[in-house]
């Protein structure tokens, strides 16, 4: 949820609109499209995210991890870095071949 939040703040700072957020976290997609239940422990961040989503005309979509190997690899790389935020302007060398595979719709088996 924090990754989606920070990503949307960067999107808004850059003046981008009509964004599609793809997540493999089913609960995030459900909370952000239906809203949080009253007893949700993530209620405040979900409500903040809902406001950000409205400001940038954002769509949330659930995608299986296997459907976007590039995003999965970048997320793992991000989890292992010490900086609070890293914004890249061009695809990382480590994922360029994966981007091409994702664009071509290469199928992956779920492990």
PDB file of N, CA and C in Angstrom:
ATOM      1  N   UNK A   1       0.829  -1.194   0.000  1.00  0.00           N
ATOM      2  CA  UNK A   1       0.000   0.000   0.000  1.00  0.00           C
ATOM      3  C   UNK A   1       0.875   1.260   0.000  1.00  0.00           C
ATOM      4  N   UNK A   2       1.966   1.206   0.790  1.00  0.00           N
ATOM      5  CA  UNK A   2       2.845   2.372   0.824  1.00  0.00           C
ATOM      6  C   UNK A   2       3.522   2.591  -0.525  1.00  0.00           C
ATOM      7  N   UNK A   3       3.839   1.503  -1.224  1.00  0.00           N
ATOM      8  CA  UNK A   3       4.440   1.635  -2.552  1.00  0.00           C
ATOM      9  C   UNK A   3       3.490   2.308  -3.535  1.00  0.00           C
ATOM     10  N   UNK A   4       2.229   1.918  -3.485  1.00  0.00           N
ATOM     11  CA  UNK A   4       1.222   2.554  -4.349  1.00  0.00           C
ATOM     12  C   UNK A   4       1.070   4.021  -3.972  1.00  0.00           C
ATOM     13  N   UNK A   5       1.025   4.286  -2.682  1.00  0.00           N
ATOM     14  CA  UNK A   5       0.884   5.669  -2.198  1.00  0.00           C
ATOM     15  C   UNK A   5       2.037   6.536  -2.700  1.00  0.00           C
ATOM     16  N   UNK A   6       3.254   6.057  -2.482  1.00  0.00           N
ATOM     17  CA  UNK A   6       4.423   6.863  -2.873  1.00  0.00           C
ATOM     18  C   UNK A   6       4.482   7.013  -4.391  1.00  0.00           C
ATOM     19  N   UNK A   7       4.141   5.938  -5.104  1.00  0.00           N
ATOM     20  CA  UNK A   7       4.131   6.018  -6.565  1.00  0.00           C
ATOM     21  C   UNK A   7       3.151   7.051  -7.070  1.00  0.00           C
ATOM     22  N   UNK A   8       1.959   7.104  -6.475  1.00  0.00           N
ATOM     23  CA  UNK A   8       0.960   8.086  -6.908  1.00  0.00           C
ATOM     24  C   UNK A   8       1.371   9.508  -6.559  1.00  0.00           C
ATOM     25  N   UNK A   9       2.062   9.692  -5.442  1.00  0.00           N
ATOM     26  CA  UNK A   9       2.533  11.050  -5.124  1.00  0.00           C
ATOM     27  C   UNK A   9       3.567  11.512  -6.139  1.00  0.00           C
ATOM     28  N   UNK A  10       4.426  10.596  -6.573  1.00  0.00           N
ATOM     29  CA  UNK A  10       5.412  10.943  -7.609  1.00  0.00           C
ATOM     30  C   UNK A  10       4.695  11.263  -8.917  1.00  0.00           C
ATOM     31  N   UNK A  11       3.698  10.468  -9.263  1.00  0.00           N
ATOM     32  CA  UNK A  11       2.912  10.693 -10.483  1.00  0.00           C
ATOM     33  C   UNK A  11       2.290  12.088 -10.463  1.00  0.00           C
ATOM     34  N   UNK A  12       1.683  12.441  -9.342  1.00  0.00           N
ATOM     35  CA  UNK A  12       1.046  13.763  -9.234  1.00  0.00           C
ATOM     36  C   UNK A  12       2.074  14.885  -9.282  1.00  0.00           C
ATOM     37  N   UNK A  13       3.225  14.696  -8.646  1.00  0.00           N
ATOM     38  CA  UNK A  13       4.283  15.710  -8.686  1.00  0.00           C
ATOM     39  C   UNK A  13       4.780  15.939 -10.108  1.00  0.00           C
ATOM     40  N   UNK A  14       4.777  14.886 -10.917  1.00  0.00           N
ATOM     41  CA  UNK A  14       5.227  14.987 -12.303  1.00  0.00           C
ATOM     42  C   UNK A  14       4.132  15.495 -13.236  1.00  0.00           C
ATOM     43  N   UNK A  15       2.918  15.655 -12.718  1.00  0.00           N
ATOM     44  CA  UNK A  15       1.820  16.164 -13.521  1.00  0.00           C
ATOM     45  C   UNK A  15       1.204  15.136 -14.458  1.00  0.00           C
ATOM     46  N   UNK A  16       1.432  13.870 -14.173  1.00  0.00           N
ATOM     47  CA  UNK A  16       0.886  12.818 -15.023  1.00  0.00           C
ATOM     48  C   UNK A  16      -0.563  12.527 -14.652  1.00  0.00           C
ATOM     49  N   UNK A  17      -1.341  12.075 -15.608  1.00  0.00           N
ATOM     50  CA  UNK A  17      -2.749  11.758 -15.388  1.00  0.00           C
ATOM     51  C   UNK A  17      -3.091  10.462 -16.103  1.00  0.00           C
ATOM     52  N   UNK A  18      -4.288   9.969 -15.850  1.00  0.00           N
ATOM     53  CA  UNK A  18      -4.785   8.742 -16.470  1.00  0.00           C
ATOM     54  C   UNK A  18      -3.786   7.595 -16.301  1.00  0.00           C
ATOM     55  N   UNK A  19      -3.545   7.247 -15.071  1.00  0.00           N
ATOM     56  CA  UNK A  19      -2.564   6.239 -14.689  1.00  0.00           C
ATOM     57  C   UNK A  19      -3.250   4.897 -14.434  1.00  0.00           C
ATOM     58  N   UNK A  20      -2.600   3.816 -14.812  1.00  0.00           N
ATOM     59  CA  UNK A  20      -3.067   2.471 -14.480  1.00  0.00           C
ATOM     60  C   UNK A  20      -2.055   1.879 -13.502  1.00  0.00           C
ATOM     61  N   UNK A  21      -2.534   1.520 -12.319  1.00  0.00           N
ATOM     62  CA  UNK A  21      -1.693   0.870 -11.318  1.00  0.00           C
ATOM     63  C   UNK A  21      -2.012  -0.615 -11.353  1.00  0.00           C
ATOM     64  N   UNK A  22      -0.996  -1.419 -11.589  1.00  0.00           N
ATOM     65  CA  UNK A  22      -1.164  -2.865 -11.570  1.00  0.00           C
ATOM     66  C   UNK A  22      -0.508  -3.401 -10.307  1.00  0.00           C
ATOM     67  N   UNK A  23      -1.251  -4.211  -9.565  1.00  0.00           N
ATOM     68  CA  UNK A  23      -0.724  -4.780  -8.333  1.00  0.00           C
ATOM     69  C   UNK A  23      -1.054  -6.259  -8.249  1.00  0.00           C
ATOM     70  N   UNK A  24      -0.134  -7.019  -7.659  1.00  0.00           N
ATOM     71  CA  UNK A  24      -0.426  -8.437  -7.440  1.00  0.00           C
ATOM     72  C   UNK A  24      -1.007  -8.661  -6.044  1.00  0.00           C
ATOM     73  N   UNK A  25      -1.234  -7.580  -5.323  1.00  0.00           N
ATOM     74  CA  UNK A  25      -1.801  -7.632  -3.975  1.00  0.00           C
ATOM     75  C   UNK A  25      -3.320  -7.481  -4.093  1.00  0.00           C
ATOM     76  N   UNK A  26      -4.020  -8.606  -4.101  1.00  0.00           N
ATOM     77  CA  UNK A  26      -5.466  -8.618  -4.309  1.00  0.00           C
ATOM     78  C   UNK A  26      -6.199  -7.706  -3.337  1.00  0.00           C
ATOM     79  N   UNK A  27      -5.778  -7.711  -2.086  1.00  0.00           N
ATOM     80  CA  UNK A  27      -6.456  -6.901  -1.078  1.00  0.00           C
ATOM     81  C   UNK A  27      -6.334  -5.409  -1.396  1.00  0.00           C
ATOM     82  N   UNK A  28      -5.200  -4.979  -1.923  1.00  0.00           N
ATOM     83  CA  UNK A  28      -5.032  -3.564  -2.268  1.00  0.00           C
ATOM     84  C   UNK A  28      -6.045  -3.161  -3.323  1.00  0.00           C
ATOM     85  N   UNK A  29      -6.168  -3.970  -4.361  1.00  0.00           N
ATOM     86  CA  UNK A  29      -7.116  -3.663  -5.429  1.00  0.00           C
ATOM     87  C   UNK A  29      -8.539  -3.605  -4.874  1.00  0.00           C
ATOM     88  N   UNK A  30      -8.881  -4.538  -4.010  1.00  0.00           N
ATOM     89  CA  UNK A  30     -10.227  -4.574  -3.433  1.00  0.00           C
ATOM     90  C   UNK A  30     -10.489  -3.374  -2.519  1.00  0.00           C
ATOM     91  N   UNK A  31      -9.533  -3.060  -1.648  1.00  0.00           N
ATOM     92  CA  UNK A  31      -9.704  -1.927  -0.729  1.00  0.00           C
ATOM     93  C   UNK A  31      -9.811  -0.607  -1.481  1.00  0.00           C
ATOM     94  N   UNK A  32      -9.032  -0.468  -2.547  1.00  0.00           N
ATOM     95  CA  UNK A  32      -9.004   0.802  -3.271  1.00  0.00           C
ATOM     96  C   UNK A  32     -10.191   0.976  -4.215  1.00  0.00           C
ATOM     97  N   UNK A  33     -10.809  -0.105  -4.639  1.00  0.00           N
ATOM     98  CA  UNK A  33     -11.974   0.031  -5.507  1.00  0.00           C
ATOM     99  C   UNK A  33     -13.277   0.056  -4.711  1.00  0.00           C
ATOM    100  N   UNK A  34     -13.332  -0.688  -3.621  1.00  0.00           N
ATOM    101  CA  UNK A  34     -14.559  -0.750  -2.821  1.00  0.00           C
ATOM    102  C   UNK A  34     -14.520   0.129  -1.578  1.00  0.00           C
ATOM    103  N   UNK A  35     -13.329   0.560  -1.182  1.00  0.00           N
ATOM    104  CA  UNK A  35     -13.183   1.339   0.047  1.00  0.00           C
ATOM    105  C   UNK A  35     -12.968   0.424   1.244  1.00  0.00           C
ATOM    106  N   UNK A  36     -12.376   0.963   2.301  1.00  0.00           N
ATOM    107  CA  UNK A  36     -12.071   0.124   3.465  1.00  0.00           C
ATOM    108  C   UNK A  36     -13.298  -0.101   4.346  1.00  0.00           C
ATOM    109  N   UNK A  37     -13.407  -1.287   4.955  1.00  0.00           N
ATOM    110  CA  UNK A  37     -14.471  -1.491   5.936  1.00  0.00           C
ATOM    111  C   UNK A  37     -14.169  -0.677   7.191  1.00  0.00           C
ATOM    112  N   UNK A  38     -15.160  -0.435   8.039  1.00  0.00           N
ATOM    113  CA  UNK A  38     -14.956   0.415   9.225  1.00  0.00           C
ATOM    114  C   UNK A  38     -13.827  -0.034  10.148  1.00  0.00           C
ATOM    115  N   UNK A  39     -13.593  -1.322  10.267  1.00  0.00           N
ATOM    116  CA  UNK A  39     -12.572  -1.810  11.201  1.00  0.00           C
ATOM    117  C   UNK A  39     -11.238  -2.126  10.530  1.00  0.00           C
ATOM    118  N   UNK A  40     -11.021  -1.640   9.341  1.00  0.00           N
ATOM    119  CA  UNK A  40      -9.803  -1.936   8.577  1.00  0.00           C
ATOM    120  C   UNK A  40      -8.578  -1.269   9.220  1.00  0.00           C
ATOM    121  N   UNK A  41      -7.516  -2.046   9.505  1.00  0.00           N
ATOM    122  CA  UNK A  41      -6.315  -1.453  10.098  1.00  0.00           C
ATOM    123  C   UNK A  41      -5.580  -0.517   9.140  1.00  0.00           C
ATOM    124  N   UNK A  42      -5.876  -0.609   7.849  1.00  0.00           N
ATOM    125  CA  UNK A  42      -5.225   0.237   6.843  1.00  0.00           C
ATOM    126  C   UNK A  42      -6.116   1.398   6.425  1.00  0.00           C
ATOM    127  N   UNK A  43      -7.143   1.666   7.177  1.00  0.00           N
ATOM    128  CA  UNK A  43      -8.173   2.634   6.786  1.00  0.00           C
ATOM    129  C   UNK A  43      -7.612   3.999   6.385  1.00  0.00           C
ATOM    130  N   UNK A  44      -6.709   4.562   7.172  1.00  0.00           N
ATOM    131  CA  UNK A  44      -6.243   5.926   6.862  1.00  0.00           C
ATOM    132  C   UNK A  44      -5.436   5.973   5.568  1.00  0.00           C
ATOM    133  N   UNK A  45      -4.548   5.009   5.341  1.00  0.00           N
ATOM    134  CA  UNK A  45      -3.780   5.037   4.091  1.00  0.00           C
ATOM    135  C   UNK A  45      -4.686   4.739   2.897  1.00  0.00           C
ATOM    136  N   UNK A  46      -5.670   3.857   3.070  1.00  0.00           N
ATOM    137  CA  UNK A  46      -6.606   3.561   1.979  1.00  0.00           C
ATOM    138  C   UNK A  46      -7.404   4.816   1.624  1.00  0.00           C
ATOM    139  N   UNK A  47      -7.873   5.538   2.623  1.00  0.00           N
ATOM    140  CA  UNK A  47      -8.628   6.764   2.351  1.00  0.00           C
ATOM    141  C   UNK A  47      -7.755   7.805   1.661  1.00  0.00           C
ATOM    142  N   UNK A  48      -6.498   7.956   2.114  1.00  0.00           N
ATOM    143  CA  UNK A  48      -5.578   8.881   1.449  1.00  0.00           C
ATOM    144  C   UNK A  48      -5.333   8.459   0.004  1.00  0.00           C
ATOM    145  N   UNK A  49      -5.158   7.163  -0.210  1.00  0.00           N
ATOM    146  CA  UNK A  49      -4.952   6.660  -1.564  1.00  0.00           C
ATOM    147  C   UNK A  49      -6.164   6.914  -2.448  1.00  0.00           C
ATOM    148  N   UNK A  50      -7.338   6.742  -1.910  1.00  0.00           N
ATOM    149  CA  UNK A  50      -8.558   6.993  -2.692  1.00  0.00           C
ATOM    150  C   UNK A  50      -8.617   8.446  -3.157  1.00  0.00           C
ATOM    151  N   UNK A  51      -8.177   9.380  -2.312  1.00  0.00           N
ATOM    152  CA  UNK A  51      -8.134  10.789  -2.717  1.00  0.00           C
ATOM    153  C   UNK A  51      -7.101  11.009  -3.823  1.00  0.00           C
ATOM    154  N   UNK A  52      -5.928  10.372  -3.692  1.00  0.00           N
ATOM    155  CA  UNK A  52      -4.902  10.504  -4.729  1.00  0.00           C
ATOM    156  C   UNK A  52      -5.390   9.911  -6.048  1.00  0.00           C
ATOM    157  N   UNK A  53      -6.076   8.777  -5.969  1.00  0.00           N
ATOM    158  CA  UNK A  53      -6.595   8.123  -7.170  1.00  0.00           C
ATOM    159  C   UNK A  53      -7.568   9.038  -7.906  1.00  0.00           C
ATOM    160  N   UNK A  54      -8.418   9.730  -7.160  1.00  0.00           N
ATOM    161  CA  UNK A  54      -9.368  10.652  -7.786  1.00  0.00           C
ATOM    162  C   UNK A  54      -8.655  11.827  -8.438  1.00  0.00           C
ATOM    163  N   UNK A  55      -7.565  12.288  -7.827  1.00  0.00           N
ATOM    164  CA  UNK A  55      -6.849  13.448  -8.358  1.00  0.00           C
ATOM    165  C   UNK A  55      -6.120  13.154  -9.663  1.00  0.00           C
ATOM    166  N   UNK A  56      -5.745  11.899  -9.888  1.00  0.00           N
ATOM    167  CA  UNK A  56      -4.968  11.609 -11.099  1.00  0.00           C
ATOM    168  C   UNK A  56      -5.699  10.661 -12.050  1.00  0.00           C
ATOM    169  N   UNK A  57      -6.991  10.506 -11.898  1.00  0.00           N
ATOM    170  CA  UNK A  57      -7.771   9.637 -12.784  1.00  0.00           C
ATOM    171  C   UNK A  57      -7.129   8.254 -12.896  1.00  0.00           C
ATOM    172  N   UNK A  58      -6.832   7.666 -11.777  1.00  0.00           N
ATOM    173  CA  UNK A  58      -6.109   6.410 -11.707  1.00  0.00           C
ATOM    174  C   UNK A  58      -7.050   5.214 -11.706  1.00  0.00           C
ATOM    175  N   UNK A  59      -6.621   4.149 -12.362  1.00  0.00           N
ATOM    176  CA  UNK A  59      -7.332   2.880 -12.358  1.00  0.00           C
ATOM    177  C   UNK A  59      -6.453   1.851 -11.664  1.00  0.00           C
ATOM    178  N   UNK A  60      -7.048   1.050 -10.790  1.00  0.00           N
ATOM    179  CA  UNK A  60      -6.320  -0.005 -10.096  1.00  0.00           C
ATOM    180  C   UNK A  60      -6.708  -1.335 -10.709  1.00  0.00           C
ATOM    181  N   UNK A  61      -5.716  -2.146 -11.054  1.00  0.00           N
ATOM    182  CA  UNK A  61      -5.978  -3.458 -11.644  1.00  0.00           C
ATOM    183  C   UNK A  61      -5.154  -4.516 -10.935  1.00  0.00           C
ATOM    184  N   UNK A  62      -5.768  -5.667 -10.709  1.00  0.00           N
ATOM    185  CA  UNK A  62      -5.029  -6.793 -10.152  1.00  0.00           C
ATOM    186  C   UNK A  62      -4.380  -7.566 -11.291  1.00  0.00           C
ATOM    187  N   UNK A  63      -3.116  -7.866 -11.138  1.00  0.00           N
ATOM    188  CA  UNK A  63      -2.374  -8.681 -12.097  1.00  0.00           C
ATOM    189  C   UNK A  63      -1.606  -9.733 -11.304  1.00  0.00           C
ATOM    190  N   UNK A  64      -1.637 -10.943 -11.775  1.00  0.00           N
ATOM    191  CA  UNK A  64      -0.832 -11.977 -11.139  1.00  0.00           C
ATOM    192  C   UNK A  64       0.641 -11.611 -11.303  1.00  0.00           C
ATOM    193  N   UNK A  65       1.423 -11.958 -10.325  1.00  0.00           N
ATOM    194  CA  UNK A  65       2.853 -11.657 -10.361  1.00  0.00           C
ATOM    195  C   UNK A  65       3.492 -12.170 -11.648  1.00  0.00           C
ATOM    196  N   UNK A  66       3.060 -13.331 -12.093  1.00  0.00           N
ATOM    197  CA  UNK A  66       3.620 -13.920 -13.304  1.00  0.00           C
ATOM    198  C   UNK A  66       3.291 -13.102 -14.548  1.00  0.00           C
ATOM    199  N   UNK A  67       2.264 -12.275 -14.494  1.00  0.00           N
ATOM    200  CA  UNK A  67       1.861 -11.469 -15.646  1.00  0.00           C
ATOM    201  C   UNK A  67       2.726 -10.232 -15.823  1.00  0.00           C
ATOM    202  N   UNK A  68       3.526  -9.901 -14.827  1.00  0.00           N
ATOM    203  CA  UNK A  68       4.406  -8.748 -14.941  1.00  0.00           C
ATOM    204  C   UNK A  68       5.704  -9.028 -14.191  1.00  0.00           C
ATOM    205  N   UNK A  69       6.534  -9.845 -14.799  1.00  0.00           N
ATOM    206  CA  UNK A  69       7.802 -10.243 -14.194  1.00  0.00           C
ATOM    207  C   UNK A  69       8.716  -9.046 -13.953  1.00  0.00           C
ATOM    208  N   UNK A  70       8.634  -8.040 -14.811  1.00  0.00           N
ATOM    209  CA  UNK A  70       9.479  -6.855 -14.670  1.00  0.00           C
ATOM    210  C   UNK A  70       9.163  -6.116 -13.372  1.00  0.00           C
ATOM    211  N   UNK A  71       7.891  -5.851 -13.142  1.00  0.00           N
ATOM    212  CA  UNK A  71       7.499  -5.147 -11.913  1.00  0.00           C
ATOM    213  C   UNK A  71       7.876  -5.957 -10.687  1.00  0.00           C
ATOM    214  N   UNK A  72       7.729  -7.270 -10.753  1.00  0.00           N
ATOM    215  CA  UNK A  72       8.089  -8.132  -9.631  1.00  0.00           C
ATOM    216  C   UNK A  72       9.586  -8.026  -9.339  1.00  0.00           C
ATOM    217  N   UNK A  73      10.402  -8.035 -10.380  1.00  0.00           N
ATOM    218  CA  UNK A  73      11.853  -7.935 -10.195  1.00  0.00           C
ATOM    219  C   UNK A  73      12.250  -6.574  -9.629  1.00  0.00           C
ATOM    220  N   UNK A  74      11.657  -5.500 -10.150  1.00  0.00           N
ATOM    221  CA  UNK A  74      11.973  -4.156  -9.653  1.00  0.00           C
ATOM    222  C   UNK A  74      11.534  -4.007  -8.192  1.00  0.00           C
ATOM    223  N   UNK A  75      10.381  -4.574  -7.840  1.00  0.00           N
ATOM    224  CA  UNK A  75       9.911  -4.522  -6.450  1.00  0.00           C
ATOM    225  C   UNK A  75      10.888  -5.232  -5.522  1.00  0.00           C
ATOM    226  N   UNK A  76      11.388  -6.383  -5.945  1.00  0.00           N
ATOM    227  CA  UNK A  76      12.367  -7.107  -5.128  1.00  0.00           C
ATOM    228  C   UNK A  76      13.658  -6.316  -4.997  1.00  0.00           C
ATOM    229  N   UNK A  77      14.073  -5.671  -6.091  1.00  0.00           N
ATOM    230  CA  UNK A  77      15.277  -4.842  -6.032  1.00  0.00           C
ATOM    231  C   UNK A  77      15.059  -3.677  -5.061  1.00  0.00           C
ATOM    232  N   UNK A  78      13.879  -3.074  -5.101  1.00  0.00           N
ATOM    233  CA  UNK A  78      13.571  -1.955  -4.214  1.00  0.00           C
ATOM    234  C   UNK A  78      13.552  -2.354  -2.759  1.00  0.00           C
ATOM    235  N   UNK A  79      13.078  -3.562  -2.479  1.00  0.00           N
ATOM    236  CA  UNK A  79      13.033  -4.037  -1.093  1.00  0.00           C
ATOM    237  C   UNK A  79      14.431  -4.236  -0.524  1.00  0.00           C
ATOM    238  N   UNK A  80      15.403  -4.416  -1.396  1.00  0.00           N
ATOM    239  CA  UNK A  80      16.769  -4.659  -0.945  1.00  0.00           C
ATOM    240  C   UNK A  80      17.669  -3.429  -0.995  1.00  0.00           C
ATOM    241  N   UNK A  81      17.121  -2.265  -1.278  1.00  0.00           N
ATOM    242  CA  UNK A  81      17.948  -1.056  -1.325  1.00  0.00           C
ATOM    243  C   UNK A  81      17.679  -0.205  -0.090  1.00  0.00           C
ATOM    244  N   UNK A  82      18.647   0.598   0.285  1.00  0.00           N
ATOM    245  CA  UNK A  82      18.548   1.351   1.545  1.00  0.00           C
ATOM    246  C   UNK A  82      17.981   2.763   1.391  1.00  0.00           C
ATOM    247  N   UNK A  83      17.926   3.293   0.180  1.00  0.00           N
ATOM    248  CA  UNK A  83      17.396   4.637  -0.024  1.00  0.00           C
ATOM    249  C   UNK A  83      15.890   4.651   0.181  1.00  0.00           C
ATOM    250  N   UNK A  84      15.361   5.751   0.700  1.00  0.00           N
ATOM    251  CA  UNK A  84      13.921   5.886   0.940  1.00  0.00           C
ATOM    252  C   UNK A  84      13.139   5.846  -0.361  1.00  0.00           C
ATOM    253  N   UNK A  85      13.657   6.519  -1.382  1.00  0.00           N
ATOM    254  CA  UNK A  85      12.965   6.580  -2.665  1.00  0.00           C
ATOM    255  C   UNK A  85      13.988   6.668  -3.785  1.00  0.00           C
ATOM    256  N   UNK A  86      13.768   5.885  -4.816  1.00  0.00           N
ATOM    257  CA  UNK A  86      14.597   5.939  -6.015  1.00  0.00           C
ATOM    258  C   UNK A  86      13.650   6.093  -7.197  1.00  0.00           C
ATOM    259  N   UNK A  87      13.839   7.130  -7.968  1.00  0.00           N
ATOM    260  CA  UNK A  87      13.037   7.354  -9.174  1.00  0.00           C
ATOM    261  C   UNK A  87      13.968   7.174 -10.359  1.00  0.00           C
ATOM    262  N   UNK A  88      13.584   6.305 -11.283  1.00  0.00           N
ATOM    263  CA  UNK A  88      14.408   6.060 -12.463  1.00  0.00           C
ATOM    264  C   UNK A  88      13.720   6.657 -13.679  1.00  0.00           C
ATOM    265  N   UNK A  89      14.508   7.230 -14.535  1.00  0.00           N
ATOM    266  CA  UNK A  89      13.979   7.867 -15.737  1.00  0.00           C
ATOM    267  C   UNK A  89      13.931   6.907 -16.920  1.00  0.00           C
ATOM    268  N   UNK A  90      14.783   5.893 -16.920  1.00  0.00           N
ATOM    269  CA  UNK A  90      14.834   4.915 -17.998  1.00  0.00           C
ATOM    270  C   UNK A  90      14.888   3.524 -17.388  1.00  0.00           C
ATOM    271  N   UNK A  91      14.487   2.508 -18.140  1.00  0.00           N
ATOM    272  CA  UNK A  91      14.512   1.143 -17.596  1.00  0.00           C
ATOM    273  C   UNK A  91      15.903   0.745 -17.115  1.00  0.00           C
ATOM    274  N   UNK A  92      15.931   0.060 -15.999  1.00  0.00           N
ATOM    275  CA  UNK A  92      17.192  -0.433 -15.455  1.00  0.00           C
ATOM    276  C   UNK A  92      17.751  -1.530 -16.356  1.00  0.00           C
ATOM    277  N   UNK A  93      19.063  -1.588 -16.465  1.00  0.00           N
ATOM    278  CA  UNK A  93      19.721  -2.603 -17.287  1.00  0.00           C
ATOM    279  C   UNK A  93      19.274  -4.001 -16.856  1.00  0.00           C
ATOM    280  N   UNK A  94      19.094  -4.197 -15.552  1.00  0.00           N
ATOM    281  CA  UNK A  94      18.743  -5.514 -15.012  1.00  0.00           C
ATOM    282  C   UNK A  94      17.382  -6.025 -15.480  1.00  0.00           C
ATOM    283  N   UNK A  95      16.514  -5.132 -15.969  1.00  0.00           N
ATOM    284  CA  UNK A  95      15.158  -5.562 -16.337  1.00  0.00           C
ATOM    285  C   UNK A  95      14.791  -5.306 -17.800  1.00  0.00           C
ATOM    286  N   UNK A  96      15.704  -4.808 -18.584  1.00  0.00           N
ATOM    287  CA  UNK A  96      15.366  -4.473 -19.976  1.00  0.00           C
ATOM    288  C   UNK A  96      14.868  -5.678 -20.767  1.00  0.00           C
ATOM    289  N   UNK A  97      15.517  -6.828 -20.630  1.00  0.00           N
ATOM    290  CA  UNK A  97      15.056  -8.005 -21.373  1.00  0.00           C
ATOM    291  C   UNK A  97      13.699  -8.469 -20.851  1.00  0.00           C
ATOM    292  N   UNK A  98      13.452  -8.275 -19.565  1.00  0.00           N
ATOM    293  CA  UNK A  98      12.173  -8.658 -18.979  1.00  0.00           C
ATOM    294  C   UNK A  98      11.054  -7.748 -19.471  1.00  0.00           C
ATOM    295  N   UNK A  99      11.343  -6.478 -19.665  1.00  0.00           N
ATOM    296  CA  UNK A  99      10.344  -5.544 -20.207  1.00  0.00           C
ATOM    297  C   UNK A  99       9.896  -6.019 -21.585  1.00  0.00           C
ATOM    298  N   UNK A 100      10.851  -6.393 -22.408  1.00  0.00           N
ATOM    299  CA  UNK A 100      10.516  -6.890 -23.742  1.00  0.00           C
ATOM    300  C   UNK A 100       9.658  -8.149 -23.648  1.00  0.00           C
ATOM    301  N   UNK A 101      10.018  -9.060 -22.763  1.00  0.00           N
ATOM    302  CA  UNK A 101       9.236 -10.296 -22.589  1.00  0.00           C
ATOM    303  C   UNK A 101       7.811  -9.972 -22.128  1.00  0.00           C
ATOM    304  N   UNK A 102       7.662  -9.024 -21.189  1.00  0.00           N
ATOM    305  CA  UNK A 102       6.334  -8.632 -20.723  1.00  0.00           C
ATOM    306  C   UNK A 102       5.522  -8.009 -21.851  1.00  0.00           C
ATOM    307  N   UNK A 103       6.179  -7.172 -22.673  1.00  0.00           N
ATOM    308  CA  UNK A 103       5.473  -6.537 -23.790  1.00  0.00           C
ATOM    309  C   UNK A 103       5.005  -7.572 -24.808  1.00  0.00           C
ATOM    310  N   UNK A 104       5.774  -8.628 -24.974  1.00  0.00           N
ATOM    311  CA  UNK A 104       5.434  -9.667 -25.944  1.00  0.00           C
ATOM    312  C   UNK A 104       4.441 -10.682 -25.376  1.00  0.00           C
ATOM    313  N   UNK A 105       4.144 -10.549 -24.074  1.00  0.00           N
ATOM    314  CA  UNK A 105       3.178 -11.455 -23.455  1.00  0.00           C
ATOM    315  C   UNK A 105       3.703 -12.847 -23.189  1.00  0.00           C
ATOM    316  N   UNK A 106       5.004 -12.961 -22.939  1.00  0.00           N
ATOM    317  CA  UNK A 106       5.596 -14.262 -22.646  1.00  0.00           C
ATOM    318  C   UNK A 106       4.907 -14.843 -21.405  1.00  0.00           C
ATOM    319  N   UNK A 107       4.491 -16.088 -21.498  1.00  0.00           N
ATOM    320  CA  UNK A 107       3.798 -16.747 -20.391  1.00  0.00           C
ATOM    321  C   UNK A 107       4.803 -17.368 -19.420  1.00  0.00           C
ATOM    322  N   UNK A 108       4.469 -17.306 -18.136  1.00  0.00           N
ATOM    323  CA  UNK A 108       5.302 -17.890 -17.099  1.00  0.00           C
ATOM    324  C   UNK A 108       4.447 -18.824 -16.267  1.00  0.00           C
ATOM    325  N   UNK A 109       5.038 -19.904 -15.836  1.00  0.00           N
ATOM    326  CA  UNK A 109       4.343 -20.839 -14.974  1.00  0.00           C
ATOM    327  C   UNK A 109       4.364 -20.332 -13.552  1.00  0.00           C
ATOM    328  N   UNK A 110       3.254 -20.496 -12.884  1.00  0.00           N
ATOM    329  CA  UNK A 110       3.166 -20.110 -11.478  1.00  0.00           C
ATOM    330  C   UNK A 110       3.824 -21.184 -10.645  1.00  0.00           C
ATOM    331  N   UNK A 111       4.731 -20.778  -9.785  1.00  0.00           N
ATOM    332  CA  UNK A 111       5.448 -21.744  -8.933  1.00  0.00           C
ATOM    333  C   UNK A 111       4.750 -21.950  -7.613  1.00  0.00           C
TER     334      UNK A 111
END
